[in-house]
Amino acid sequence: MFEEKRKFKRIASNVRVGFRKQQADKETEDYFQGVAEDCGLSGMFLTTEHLMPKGSIVTLNFQFLDDGGEEVTIQAQAVVRWTQRFRKPKGMGLEFFEFNGLGNRNFEECLQSLLQ
């Protein structure tokens, strides 16, 4: 039987997420898309064909509608902790370490909004 070791529970979200690898030169930033899977407060699995090396810092953009129906974008910084190259779906395990654009919301409320 699988023993859950995560600190925070996960939410299966299937939400499209834009992301980019942090570069020293802003003009050469790489932009990609993926699908958020198994997303929780501390991290998520991002299904994508564009894998980054372990230790890479990525910026993720989550878009959702707030209670007033306005589109909100939250930006998260995450580090690639592991990659899944040879099994389907291909993707990366990401650990969040910073959020921007939350305003007076917390990330858990935003995750719930994405699922509605």
PDB file of N, CA and C in Angstrom:
ATOM      1  N   MET A   1       0.846  -1.181   0.000  1.00  0.00           N
ATOM      2  CA  MET A   1       0.000   0.000   0.000  1.00  0.00           C
ATOM      3  C   MET A   1       0.893   1.245   0.000  1.00  0.00           C
ATOM      4  N   PHE A   2       0.491   2.245  -0.738  1.00  0.00           N
ATOM      5  CA  PHE A   2       1.241   3.495  -0.850  1.00  0.00           C
ATOM      6  C   PHE A   2       1.040   4.348   0.397  1.00  0.00           C
ATOM      7  N   GLU A   3       2.138   4.793   1.010  1.00  0.00           N
ATOM      8  CA  GLU A   3       2.061   5.647   2.195  1.00  0.00           C
ATOM      9  C   GLU A   3       2.249   7.100   1.782  1.00  0.00           C
ATOM     10  N   GLU A   4       1.273   7.945   2.071  1.00  0.00           N
ATOM     11  CA  GLU A   4       1.325   9.367   1.716  1.00  0.00           C
ATOM     12  C   GLU A   4       2.341  10.079   2.595  1.00  0.00           C
ATOM     13  N   LYS A   5       3.319  10.728   1.971  1.00  0.00           N
ATOM     14  CA  LYS A   5       4.369  11.426   2.707  1.00  0.00           C
ATOM     15  C   LYS A   5       4.276  12.935   2.547  1.00  0.00           C
ATOM     16  N   ARG A   6       3.313  13.420   1.764  1.00  0.00           N
ATOM     17  CA  ARG A   6       3.209  14.851   1.516  1.00  0.00           C
ATOM     18  C   ARG A   6       2.685  15.579   2.742  1.00  0.00           C
ATOM     19  N   LYS A   7       3.166  16.792   2.908  1.00  0.00           N
ATOM     20  CA  LYS A   7       2.763  17.635   4.019  1.00  0.00           C
ATOM     21  C   LYS A   7       1.345  18.183   3.811  1.00  0.00           C
ATOM     22  N   PHE A   8       0.995  18.507   2.537  1.00  0.00           N
ATOM     23  CA  PHE A   8      -0.309  19.058   2.192  1.00  0.00           C
ATOM     24  C   PHE A   8      -1.015  18.119   1.233  1.00  0.00           C
ATOM     25  N   LYS A   9      -2.353  18.011   1.347  1.00  0.00           N
ATOM     26  CA  LYS A   9      -3.093  17.149   0.435  1.00  0.00           C
ATOM     27  C   LYS A   9      -3.079  17.744  -0.963  1.00  0.00           C
ATOM     28  N   ARG A  10      -3.286  16.900  -1.969  1.00  0.00           N
ATOM     29  CA  ARG A  10      -3.239  17.299  -3.361  1.00  0.00           C
ATOM     30  C   ARG A  10      -4.640  17.343  -3.952  1.00  0.00           C
ATOM     31  N   ILE A  11      -4.783  18.204  -4.960  1.00  0.00           N
ATOM     32  CA  ILE A  11      -6.041  18.344  -5.671  1.00  0.00           C
ATOM     33  C   ILE A  11      -5.751  18.053  -7.135  1.00  0.00           C
ATOM     34  N   ALA A  12      -6.442  17.091  -7.738  1.00  0.00           N
ATOM     35  CA  ALA A  12      -6.266  16.828  -9.162  1.00  0.00           C
ATOM     36  C   ALA A  12      -6.968  17.948  -9.913  1.00  0.00           C
ATOM     37  N   SER A  13      -6.217  18.720 -10.694  1.00  0.00           N
ATOM     38  CA  SER A  13      -6.815  19.931 -11.248  1.00  0.00           C
ATOM     39  C   SER A  13      -7.001  19.947 -12.756  1.00  0.00           C
ATOM     40  N   ASN A  14      -6.088  19.366 -13.535  1.00  0.00           N
ATOM     41  CA  ASN A  14      -6.185  19.409 -15.000  1.00  0.00           C
ATOM     42  C   ASN A  14      -6.384  20.823 -15.532  1.00  0.00           C
ATOM     43  N   VAL A  15      -5.640  21.778 -15.006  1.00  0.00           N
ATOM     44  CA  VAL A  15      -5.722  23.180 -15.413  1.00  0.00           C
ATOM     45  C   VAL A  15      -4.525  23.508 -16.282  1.00  0.00           C
ATOM     46  N   ARG A  16      -4.755  24.207 -17.416  1.00  0.00           N
ATOM     47  CA  ARG A  16      -3.649  24.639 -18.273  1.00  0.00           C
ATOM     48  C   ARG A  16      -2.820  25.684 -17.538  1.00  0.00           C
ATOM     49  N   VAL A  17      -1.497  25.527 -17.600  1.00  0.00           N
ATOM     50  CA  VAL A  17      -0.580  26.418 -16.901  1.00  0.00           C
ATOM     51  C   VAL A  17       0.501  26.864 -17.880  1.00  0.00           C
ATOM     52  N   GLY A  18       0.751  28.167 -17.966  1.00  0.00           N
ATOM     53  CA  GLY A  18       1.886  28.662 -18.733  1.00  0.00           C
ATOM     54  C   GLY A  18       3.089  28.723 -17.818  1.00  0.00           C
ATOM     55  N   PHE A  19       4.261  28.407 -18.343  1.00  0.00           N
ATOM     56  CA  PHE A  19       5.458  28.480 -17.510  1.00  0.00           C
ATOM     57  C   PHE A  19       6.656  28.869 -18.341  1.00  0.00           C
ATOM     58  N   ARG A  20       7.691  29.350 -17.673  1.00  0.00           N
ATOM     59  CA  ARG A  20       8.936  29.699 -18.346  1.00  0.00           C
ATOM     60  C   ARG A  20      10.099  29.418 -17.414  1.00  0.00           C
ATOM     61  N   LYS A  21      11.204  29.063 -18.010  1.00  0.00           N
ATOM     62  CA  LYS A  21      12.428  28.843 -17.246  1.00  0.00           C
ATOM     63  C   LYS A  21      13.073  30.195 -17.024  1.00  0.00           C
ATOM     64  N   GLN A  22      13.545  30.440 -15.816  1.00  0.00           N
ATOM     65  CA  GLN A  22      14.218  31.695 -15.518  1.00  0.00           C
ATOM     66  C   GLN A  22      15.557  31.735 -16.252  1.00  0.00           C
ATOM     67  N   GLN A  23      15.817  32.823 -16.904  1.00  0.00           N
ATOM     68  CA  GLN A  23      17.059  33.016 -17.634  1.00  0.00           C
ATOM     69  C   GLN A  23      17.731  34.286 -17.124  1.00  0.00           C
ATOM     70  N   ALA A  24      19.043  34.364 -17.263  1.00  0.00           N
ATOM     71  CA  ALA A  24      19.751  35.593 -16.914  1.00  0.00           C
ATOM     72  C   ALA A  24      19.411  36.691 -17.917  1.00  0.00           C
ATOM     73  N   ASP A  25      19.212  36.331 -19.171  1.00  0.00           N
ATOM     74  CA  ASP A  25      18.909  37.282 -20.227  1.00  0.00           C
ATOM     75  C   ASP A  25      17.419  37.220 -20.538  1.00  0.00           C
ATOM     76  N   LYS A  26      16.666  38.246 -20.150  1.00  0.00           N
ATOM     77  CA  LYS A  26      15.211  38.266 -20.309  1.00  0.00           C
ATOM     78  C   LYS A  26      14.779  38.077 -21.764  1.00  0.00           C
ATOM     79  N   GLU A  27      15.586  38.502 -22.709  1.00  0.00           N
ATOM     80  CA  GLU A  27      15.208  38.401 -24.120  1.00  0.00           C
ATOM     81  C   GLU A  27      15.214  36.964 -24.624  1.00  0.00           C
ATOM     82  N   THR A  28      15.845  36.050 -23.897  1.00  0.00           N
ATOM     83  CA  THR A  28      15.915  34.671 -24.355  1.00  0.00           C
ATOM     84  C   THR A  28      15.083  33.726 -23.488  1.00  0.00           C
ATOM     85  N   GLU A  29      14.095  34.241 -22.740  1.00  0.00           N
ATOM     86  CA  GLU A  29      13.255  33.381 -21.913  1.00  0.00           C
ATOM     87  C   GLU A  29      12.491  32.396 -22.789  1.00  0.00           C
ATOM     88  N   ASP A  30      12.358  31.180 -22.295  1.00  0.00           N
ATOM     89  CA  ASP A  30      11.611  30.146 -23.008  1.00  0.00           C
ATOM     90  C   ASP A  30      10.200  30.067 -22.436  1.00  0.00           C
ATOM     91  N   TYR A  31       9.185  30.118 -23.303  1.00  0.00           N
ATOM     92  CA  TYR A  31       7.795  30.021 -22.872  1.00  0.00           C
ATOM     93  C   TYR A  31       7.219  28.682 -23.314  1.00  0.00           C
ATOM     94  N   PHE A  32       6.514  28.033 -22.422  1.00  0.00           N
ATOM     95  CA  PHE A  32       5.959  26.718 -22.679  1.00  0.00           C
ATOM     96  C   PHE A  32       4.553  26.647 -22.101  1.00  0.00           C
ATOM     97  N   GLN A  33       3.871  25.533 -22.368  1.00  0.00           N
ATOM     98  CA  GLN A  33       2.589  25.269 -21.748  1.00  0.00           C
ATOM     99  C   GLN A  33       2.573  23.845 -21.239  1.00  0.00           C
ATOM    100  N   GLY A  34       1.774  23.624 -20.219  1.00  0.00           N
ATOM    101  CA  GLY A  34       1.613  22.296 -19.657  1.00  0.00           C
ATOM    102  C   GLY A  34       0.260  22.218 -18.986  1.00  0.00           C
ATOM    103  N   VAL A  35      -0.013  21.077 -18.373  1.00  0.00           N
ATOM    104  CA  VAL A  35      -1.268  20.874 -17.660  1.00  0.00           C
ATOM    105  C   VAL A  35      -0.931  20.524 -16.213  1.00  0.00           C
ATOM    106  N   ALA A  36      -1.512  21.275 -15.289  1.00  0.00           N
ATOM    107  CA  ALA A  36      -1.297  21.024 -13.864  1.00  0.00           C
ATOM    108  C   ALA A  36      -2.041  19.757 -13.461  1.00  0.00           C
ATOM    109  N   GLU A  37      -1.319  18.841 -12.861  1.00  0.00           N
ATOM    110  CA  GLU A  37      -1.900  17.596 -12.348  1.00  0.00           C
ATOM    111  C   GLU A  37      -1.524  17.492 -10.880  1.00  0.00           C
ATOM    112  N   ASP A  38      -2.392  16.914 -10.099  1.00  0.00           N
ATOM    113  CA  ASP A  38      -2.033  16.597  -8.717  1.00  0.00           C
ATOM    114  C   ASP A  38      -1.452  17.826  -8.012  1.00  0.00           C
ATOM    115  N   CYS A  39      -2.202  18.920  -8.017  1.00  0.00           N
ATOM    116  CA  CYS A  39      -1.726  20.201  -7.497  1.00  0.00           C
ATOM    117  C   CYS A  39      -2.113  20.371  -6.034  1.00  0.00           C
ATOM    118  N   GLY A  40      -1.172  20.802  -5.212  1.00  0.00           N
ATOM    119  CA  GLY A  40      -1.411  21.053  -3.806  1.00  0.00           C
ATOM    120  C   GLY A  40      -0.762  22.355  -3.376  1.00  0.00           C
ATOM    121  N   LEU A  41      -0.801  22.641  -2.083  1.00  0.00           N
ATOM    122  CA  LEU A  41      -0.278  23.902  -1.577  1.00  0.00           C
ATOM    123  C   LEU A  41       1.238  24.004  -1.681  1.00  0.00           C
ATOM    124  N   SER A  42       1.927  22.885  -1.670  1.00  0.00           N
ATOM    125  CA  SER A  42       3.387  22.943  -1.701  1.00  0.00           C
ATOM    126  C   SER A  42       3.984  22.667  -3.070  1.00  0.00           C
ATOM    127  N   GLY A  43       3.183  22.134  -4.002  1.00  0.00           N
ATOM    128  CA  GLY A  43       3.734  21.839  -5.306  1.00  0.00           C
ATOM    129  C   GLY A  43       2.738  21.143  -6.203  1.00  0.00           C
ATOM    130  N   MET A  44       3.246  20.661  -7.345  1.00  0.00           N
ATOM    131  CA  MET A  44       2.368  19.999  -8.301  1.00  0.00           C
ATOM    132  C   MET A  44       3.189  19.201  -9.297  1.00  0.00           C
ATOM    133  N   PHE A  45       2.498  18.341 -10.035  1.00  0.00           N
ATOM    134  CA  PHE A  45       3.094  17.670 -11.178  1.00  0.00           C
ATOM    135  C   PHE A  45       2.599  18.404 -12.408  1.00  0.00           C
ATOM    136  N   LEU A  46       3.516  18.837 -13.271  1.00  0.00           N
ATOM    137  CA  LEU A  46       3.183  19.559 -14.489  1.00  0.00           C
ATOM    138  C   LEU A  46       3.429  18.634 -15.674  1.00  0.00           C
ATOM    139  N   THR A  47       2.346  18.230 -16.347  1.00  0.00           N
ATOM    140  CA  THR A  47       2.455  17.402 -17.540  1.00  0.00           C
ATOM    141  C   THR A  47       2.909  18.280 -18.696  1.00  0.00           C
ATOM    142  N   THR A  48       4.049  17.947 -19.289  1.00  0.00           N
ATOM    143  CA  THR A  48       4.592  18.733 -20.396  1.00  0.00           C
ATOM    144  C   THR A  48       5.636  17.920 -21.145  1.00  0.00           C
ATOM    145  N   GLU A  49       5.805  18.238 -22.407  1.00  0.00           N
ATOM    146  CA  GLU A  49       6.873  17.651 -23.210  1.00  0.00           C
ATOM    147  C   GLU A  49       8.172  18.444 -23.044  1.00  0.00           C
ATOM    148  N   HIS A  50       8.092  19.642 -22.482  1.00  0.00           N
ATOM    149  CA  HIS A  50       9.235  20.552 -22.335  1.00  0.00           C
ATOM    150  C   HIS A  50       9.813  20.423 -20.925  1.00  0.00           C
ATOM    151  N   LEU A  51      10.638  19.431 -20.716  1.00  0.00           N
ATOM    152  CA  LEU A  51      11.192  19.163 -19.385  1.00  0.00           C
ATOM    153  C   LEU A  51      12.396  20.049 -19.104  1.00  0.00           C
ATOM    154  N   MET A  52      12.495  20.507 -17.874  1.00  0.00           N
ATOM    155  CA  MET A  52      13.622  21.302 -17.403  1.00  0.00           C
ATOM    156  C   MET A  52      14.489  20.423 -16.498  1.00  0.00           C
ATOM    157  N   PRO A  53      15.767  20.705 -16.404  1.00  0.00           N
ATOM    158  CA  PRO A  53      16.625  19.926 -15.507  1.00  0.00           C
ATOM    159  C   PRO A  53      16.236  20.129 -14.041  1.00  0.00           C
ATOM    160  N   LYS A  54      16.484  19.104 -13.225  1.00  0.00           N
ATOM    161  CA  LYS A  54      16.265  19.239 -11.780  1.00  0.00           C
ATOM    162  C   LYS A  54      17.032  20.447 -11.279  1.00  0.00           C
ATOM    163  N   GLY A  55      16.412  21.212 -10.378  1.00  0.00           N
ATOM    164  CA  GLY A  55      17.045  22.396  -9.818  1.00  0.00           C
ATOM    165  C   GLY A  55      16.715  23.669 -10.577  1.00  0.00           C
ATOM    166  N   SER A  56      16.094  23.549 -11.759  1.00  0.00           N
ATOM    167  CA  SER A  56      15.712  24.744 -12.519  1.00  0.00           C
ATOM    168  C   SER A  56      14.603  25.496 -11.792  1.00  0.00           C
ATOM    169  N   ILE A  57      14.620  26.806 -11.914  1.00  0.00           N
ATOM    170  CA  ILE A  57      13.555  27.649 -11.368  1.00  0.00           C
ATOM    171  C   ILE A  57      12.616  28.005 -12.507  1.00  0.00           C
ATOM    172  N   VAL A  58      11.323  27.774 -12.299  1.00  0.00           N
ATOM    173  CA  VAL A  58      10.326  28.100 -13.311  1.00  0.00           C
ATOM    174  C   VAL A  58       9.307  29.072 -12.728  1.00  0.00           C
ATOM    175  N   THR A  59       8.731  29.887 -13.609  1.00  0.00           N
ATOM    176  CA  THR A  59       7.645  30.793 -13.243  1.00  0.00           C
ATOM    177  C   THR A  59       6.374  30.247 -13.859  1.00  0.00           C
ATOM    178  N   LEU A  60       5.336  30.071 -13.041  1.00  0.00           N
ATOM    179  CA  LEU A  60       4.058  29.524 -13.492  1.00  0.00           C
ATOM    180  C   LEU A  60       2.996  30.602 -13.421  1.00  0.00           C
ATOM    181  N   ASN A  61       2.104  30.642 -14.403  1.00  0.00           N
ATOM    182  CA  ASN A  61       0.995  31.587 -14.416  1.00  0.00           C
ATOM    183  C   ASN A  61      -0.318  30.823 -14.350  1.00  0.00           C
ATOM    184  N   PHE A  62      -1.059  30.996 -13.245  1.00  0.00           N
ATOM    185  CA  PHE A  62      -2.372  30.388 -13.067  1.00  0.00           C
ATOM    186  C   PHE A  62      -3.423  31.461 -13.328  1.00  0.00           C
ATOM    187  N   GLN A  63      -4.405  31.174 -14.178  1.00  0.00           N
ATOM    188  CA  GLN A  63      -5.469  32.132 -14.451  1.00  0.00           C
ATOM    189  C   GLN A  63      -6.802  31.536 -14.033  1.00  0.00           C
ATOM    190  N   PHE A  64      -7.623  32.344 -13.371  1.00  0.00           N
ATOM    191  CA  PHE A  64      -8.946  31.904 -12.945  1.00  0.00           C
ATOM    192  C   PHE A  64      -9.839  33.122 -12.791  1.00  0.00           C
ATOM    193  N   LEU A  65     -11.146  32.872 -12.621  1.00  0.00           N
ATOM    194  CA  LEU A  65     -12.108  33.948 -12.390  1.00  0.00           C
ATOM    195  C   LEU A  65     -12.338  34.083 -10.898  1.00  0.00           C
ATOM    196  N   ASP A  66     -12.274  35.321 -10.389  1.00  0.00           N
ATOM    197  CA  ASP A  66     -12.541  35.539  -8.969  1.00  0.00           C
ATOM    198  C   ASP A  66     -14.055  35.557  -8.733  1.00  0.00           C
ATOM    199  N   ASP A  67     -14.462  35.801  -7.490  1.00  0.00           N
ATOM    200  CA  ASP A  67     -15.882  35.785  -7.129  1.00  0.00           C
ATOM    201  C   ASP A  67     -16.692  36.812  -7.920  1.00  0.00           C
ATOM    202  N   GLY A  68     -16.061  37.898  -8.344  1.00  0.00           N
ATOM    203  CA  GLY A  68     -16.736  38.933  -9.117  1.00  0.00           C
ATOM    204  C   GLY A  68     -16.728  38.670 -10.610  1.00  0.00           C
ATOM    205  N   GLY A  69     -16.169  37.539 -11.051  1.00  0.00           N
ATOM    206  CA  GLY A  69     -16.130  37.200 -12.466  1.00  0.00           C
ATOM    207  C   GLY A  69     -14.966  37.809 -13.233  1.00  0.00           C
ATOM    208  N   GLU A  70     -14.049  38.463 -12.515  1.00  0.00           N
ATOM    209  CA  GLU A  70     -12.886  39.063 -13.170  1.00  0.00           C
ATOM    210  C   GLU A  70     -11.763  38.037 -13.271  1.00  0.00           C
ATOM    211  N   GLU A  71     -11.040  38.068 -14.406  1.00  0.00           N
ATOM    212  CA  GLU A  71      -9.914  37.156 -14.582  1.00  0.00           C
ATOM    213  C   GLU A  71      -8.735  37.625 -13.744  1.00  0.00           C
ATOM    214  N   VAL A  72      -8.172  36.701 -12.995  1.00  0.00           N
ATOM    215  CA  VAL A  72      -7.043  36.969 -12.114  1.00  0.00           C
ATOM    216  C   VAL A  72      -5.891  36.055 -12.526  1.00  0.00           C
ATOM    217  N   THR A  73      -4.679  36.591 -12.551  1.00  0.00           N
ATOM    218  CA  THR A  73      -3.493  35.787 -12.816  1.00  0.00           C
ATOM    219  C   THR A  73      -2.615  35.786 -11.574  1.00  0.00           C
ATOM    220  N   ILE A  74      -2.283  34.603 -11.127  1.00  0.00           N
ATOM    221  CA  ILE A  74      -1.362  34.439  -9.999  1.00  0.00           C
ATOM    222  C   ILE A  74      -0.083  33.850 -10.559  1.00  0.00           C
ATOM    223  N   GLN A  75       1.019  34.393 -10.149  1.00  0.00           N
ATOM    224  CA  GLN A  75       2.315  33.907 -10.592  1.00  0.00           C
ATOM    225  C   GLN A  75       2.973  33.169  -9.432  1.00  0.00           C
ATOM    226  N   ALA A  76       3.491  31.977  -9.726  1.00  0.00           N
ATOM    227  CA  ALA A  76       4.184  31.178  -8.713  1.00  0.00           C
ATOM    228  C   ALA A  76       5.595  30.891  -9.198  1.00  0.00           C
ATOM    229  N   GLN A  77       6.531  30.928  -8.276  1.00  0.00           N
ATOM    230  CA  GLN A  77       7.907  30.506  -8.544  1.00  0.00           C
ATOM    231  C   GLN A  77       8.031  29.096  -7.976  1.00  0.00           C
ATOM    232  N   ALA A  78       8.664  28.213  -8.745  1.00  0.00           N
ATOM    233  CA  ALA A  78       8.818  26.830  -8.291  1.00  0.00           C
ATOM    234  C   ALA A  78      10.171  26.306  -8.748  1.00  0.00           C
ATOM    235  N   VAL A  79      10.635  25.292  -8.020  1.00  0.00           N
ATOM    236  CA  VAL A  79      11.881  24.625  -8.392  1.00  0.00           C
ATOM    237  C   VAL A  79      11.524  23.213  -8.870  1.00  0.00           C
ATOM    238  N   VAL A  80      12.194  22.765  -9.929  1.00  0.00           N
ATOM    239  CA  VAL A  80      11.992  21.411 -10.447  1.00  0.00           C
ATOM    240  C   VAL A  80      12.691  20.446  -9.498  1.00  0.00           C
ATOM    241  N   ARG A  81      11.914  19.567  -8.863  1.00  0.00           N
ATOM    242  CA  ARG A  81      12.482  18.592  -7.919  1.00  0.00           C
ATOM    243  C   ARG A  81      12.754  17.246  -8.576  1.00  0.00           C
ATOM    244  N   TRP A  82      11.957  16.885  -9.600  1.00  0.00           N
ATOM    245  CA  TRP A  82      12.163  15.624 -10.306  1.00  0.00           C
ATOM    246  C   TRP A  82      11.481  15.693 -11.667  1.00  0.00           C
ATOM    247  N   THR A  83      11.901  14.824 -12.566  1.00  0.00           N
ATOM    248  CA  THR A  83      11.291  14.764 -13.892  1.00  0.00           C
ATOM    249  C   THR A  83      10.876  13.330 -14.195  1.00  0.00           C
ATOM    250  N   GLN A  84       9.883  13.213 -15.049  1.00  0.00           N
ATOM    251  CA  GLN A  84       9.403  11.914 -15.516  1.00  0.00           C
ATOM    252  C   GLN A  84       9.545  11.912 -17.031  1.00  0.00           C
ATOM    253  N   ARG A  85      10.638  11.355 -17.520  1.00  0.00           N
ATOM    254  CA  ARG A  85      10.970  11.408 -18.945  1.00  0.00           C
ATOM    255  C   ARG A  85      10.483  10.199 -19.735  1.00  0.00           C
ATOM    256  N   PHE A  86      10.510   9.029 -19.141  1.00  0.00           N
ATOM    257  CA  PHE A  86      10.334   7.802 -19.896  1.00  0.00           C
ATOM    258  C   PHE A  86       8.969   7.158 -19.723  1.00  0.00           C
ATOM    259  N   ARG A  87       8.190   7.602 -18.768  1.00  0.00           N
ATOM    260  CA  ARG A  87       6.825   7.100 -18.583  1.00  0.00           C
ATOM    261  C   ARG A  87       5.853   8.176 -18.993  1.00  0.00           C
ATOM    262  N   LYS A  88       4.673   7.782 -19.403  1.00  0.00           N
ATOM    263  CA  LYS A  88       3.623   8.741 -19.742  1.00  0.00           C
ATOM    264  C   LYS A  88       2.783   8.992 -18.506  1.00  0.00           C
ATOM    265  N   PRO A  89       2.331  10.170 -18.209  1.00  0.00           N
ATOM    266  CA  PRO A  89       2.645  11.367 -18.974  1.00  0.00           C
ATOM    267  C   PRO A  89       4.026  11.907 -18.601  1.00  0.00           C
ATOM    268  N   LYS A  90       4.700  12.512 -19.587  1.00  0.00           N
ATOM    269  CA  LYS A  90       5.964  13.182 -19.306  1.00  0.00           C
ATOM    270  C   LYS A  90       5.663  14.426 -18.493  1.00  0.00           C
ATOM    271  N   GLY A  91       6.594  14.807 -17.623  1.00  0.00           N
ATOM    272  CA  GLY A  91       6.364  16.010 -16.836  1.00  0.00           C
ATOM    273  C   GLY A  91       7.409  16.220 -15.759  1.00  0.00           C
ATOM    274  N   MET A  92       7.090  17.172 -14.871  1.00  0.00           N
ATOM    275  CA  MET A  92       8.030  17.574 -13.825  1.00  0.00           C
ATOM    276  C   MET A  92       7.304  17.719 -12.493  1.00  0.00           C
ATOM    277  N   GLY A  93       7.968  17.310 -11.427  1.00  0.00           N
ATOM    278  CA  GLY A  93       7.494  17.561 -10.073  1.00  0.00           C
ATOM    279  C   GLY A  93       8.049  18.900  -9.619  1.00  0.00           C
ATOM    280  N   LEU A  94       7.157  19.831  -9.290  1.00  0.00           N
ATOM    281  CA  LEU A  94       7.560  21.193  -8.925  1.00  0.00           C
ATOM    282  C   LEU A  94       7.217  21.491  -7.468  1.00  0.00           C
ATOM    283  N   GLU A  95       8.103  22.217  -6.798  1.00  0.00           N
ATOM    284  CA  GLU A  95       7.863  22.675  -5.424  1.00  0.00           C
ATOM    285  C   GLU A  95       7.767  24.200  -5.438  1.00  0.00           C
ATOM    286  N   PHE A  96       6.610  24.720  -4.997  1.00  0.00           N
ATOM    287  CA  PHE A  96       6.408  26.162  -4.948  1.00  0.00           C
ATOM    288  C   PHE A  96       7.252  26.784  -3.845  1.00  0.00           C
ATOM    289  N   PHE A  97       7.766  28.008  -4.093  1.00  0.00           N
ATOM    290  CA  PHE A  97       8.439  28.727  -3.022  1.00  0.00           C
ATOM    291  C   PHE A  97       8.054  30.197  -2.952  1.00  0.00           C
ATOM    292  N   GLU A  98       7.323  30.714  -3.939  1.00  0.00           N
ATOM    293  CA  GLU A  98       6.905  32.119  -3.884  1.00  0.00           C
ATOM    294  C   GLU A  98       5.675  32.321  -4.760  1.00  0.00           C
ATOM    295  N   PHE A  99       4.745  33.196  -4.298  1.00  0.00           N
ATOM    296  CA  PHE A  99       3.547  33.538  -5.061  1.00  0.00           C
ATOM    297  C   PHE A  99       3.440  35.046  -5.197  1.00  0.00           C
ATOM    298  N   ASN A 100       2.954  35.504  -6.353  1.00  0.00           N
ATOM    299  CA  ASN A 100       2.677  36.916  -6.590  1.00  0.00           C
ATOM    300  C   ASN A 100       1.263  37.041  -7.141  1.00  0.00           C
ATOM    301  N   GLY A 101       0.567  38.112  -6.776  1.00  0.00           N
ATOM    302  CA  GLY A 101      -0.772  38.370  -7.300  1.00  0.00           C
ATOM    303  C   GLY A 101      -1.890  37.771  -6.493  1.00  0.00           C
ATOM    304  N   LEU A 102      -1.599  37.254  -5.302  1.00  0.00           N
ATOM    305  CA  LEU A 102      -2.657  36.671  -4.479  1.00  0.00           C
ATOM    306  C   LEU A 102      -3.591  37.722  -3.889  1.00  0.00           C
ATOM    307  N   GLY A 103      -3.084  38.942  -3.698  1.00  0.00           N
ATOM    308  CA  GLY A 103      -3.903  39.966  -3.037  1.00  0.00           C
ATOM    309  C   GLY A 103      -4.250  39.515  -1.634  1.00  0.00           C
ATOM    310  N   ASN A 104      -5.530  39.563  -1.276  1.00  0.00           N
ATOM    311  CA  ASN A 104      -5.937  39.133   0.066  1.00  0.00           C
ATOM    312  C   ASN A 104      -6.396  37.671   0.071  1.00  0.00           C
ATOM    313  N   ARG A 105      -6.186  36.957  -1.039  1.00  0.00           N
ATOM    314  CA  ARG A 105      -6.546  35.542  -1.131  1.00  0.00           C
ATOM    315  C   ARG A 105      -5.364  34.688  -0.676  1.00  0.00           C
ATOM    316  N   ASN A 106      -5.651  33.463  -0.296  1.00  0.00           N
ATOM    317  CA  ASN A 106      -4.554  32.509  -0.089  1.00  0.00           C
ATOM    318  C   ASN A 106      -4.568  31.519  -1.252  1.00  0.00           C
ATOM    319  N   PHE A 107      -3.491  30.804  -1.459  1.00  0.00           N
ATOM    320  CA  PHE A 107      -3.368  29.939  -2.623  1.00  0.00           C
ATOM    321  C   PHE A 107      -4.383  28.803  -2.601  1.00  0.00           C
ATOM    322  N   GLU A 108      -4.740  28.330  -1.415  1.00  0.00           N
ATOM    323  CA  GLU A 108      -5.727  27.246  -1.313  1.00  0.00           C
ATOM    324  C   GLU A 108      -7.070  27.704  -1.888  1.00  0.00           C
ATOM    325  N   GLU A 109      -7.492  28.941  -1.604  1.00  0.00           N
ATOM    326  CA  GLU A 109      -8.737  29.467  -2.169  1.00  0.00           C
ATOM    327  C   GLU A 109      -8.642  29.543  -3.690  1.00  0.00           C
ATOM    328  N   CYS A 110      -7.480  29.929  -4.184  1.00  0.00           N
ATOM    329  CA  CYS A 110      -7.296  30.022  -5.637  1.00  0.00           C
ATOM    330  C   CYS A 110      -7.373  28.655  -6.286  1.00  0.00           C
ATOM    331  N   LEU A 111      -6.788  27.633  -5.663  1.00  0.00           N
ATOM    332  CA  LEU A 111      -6.874  26.278  -6.202  1.00  0.00           C
ATOM    333  C   LEU A 111      -8.330  25.819  -6.280  1.00  0.00           C
ATOM    334  N   GLN A 112      -9.090  26.123  -5.251  1.00  0.00           N
ATOM    335  CA  GLN A 112     -10.511  25.734  -5.256  1.00  0.00           C
ATOM    336  C   GLN A 112     -11.243  26.461  -6.381  1.00  0.00           C
ATOM    337  N   SER A 113     -10.928  27.709  -6.634  1.00  0.00           N
ATOM    338  CA  SER A 113     -11.556  28.467  -7.718  1.00  0.00           C
ATOM    339  C   SER A 113     -11.236  27.843  -9.079  1.00  0.00           C
ATOM    340  N   LEU A 114     -10.025  27.338  -9.232  1.00  0.00           N
ATOM    341  CA  LEU A 114      -9.632  26.713 -10.495  1.00  0.00           C
ATOM    342  C   LEU A 114     -10.428  25.443 -10.779  1.00  0.00           C
ATOM    343  N   LEU A 115     -10.883  24.790  -9.735  1.00  0.00           N
ATOM    344  CA  LEU A 115     -11.598  23.518  -9.900  1.00  0.00           C
ATOM    345  C   LEU A 115     -13.076  23.706 -10.199  1.00  0.00           C
ATOM    346  N   GLN A 116     -13.597  24.917 -10.040  1.00  0.00           N
ATOM    347  CA  GLN A 116     -15.042  25.156 -10.244  1.00  0.00           C
ATOM    348  C   GLN A 116     -15.385  25.360 -11.682  1.00  0.00           C
TER     349      GLN A 116
END
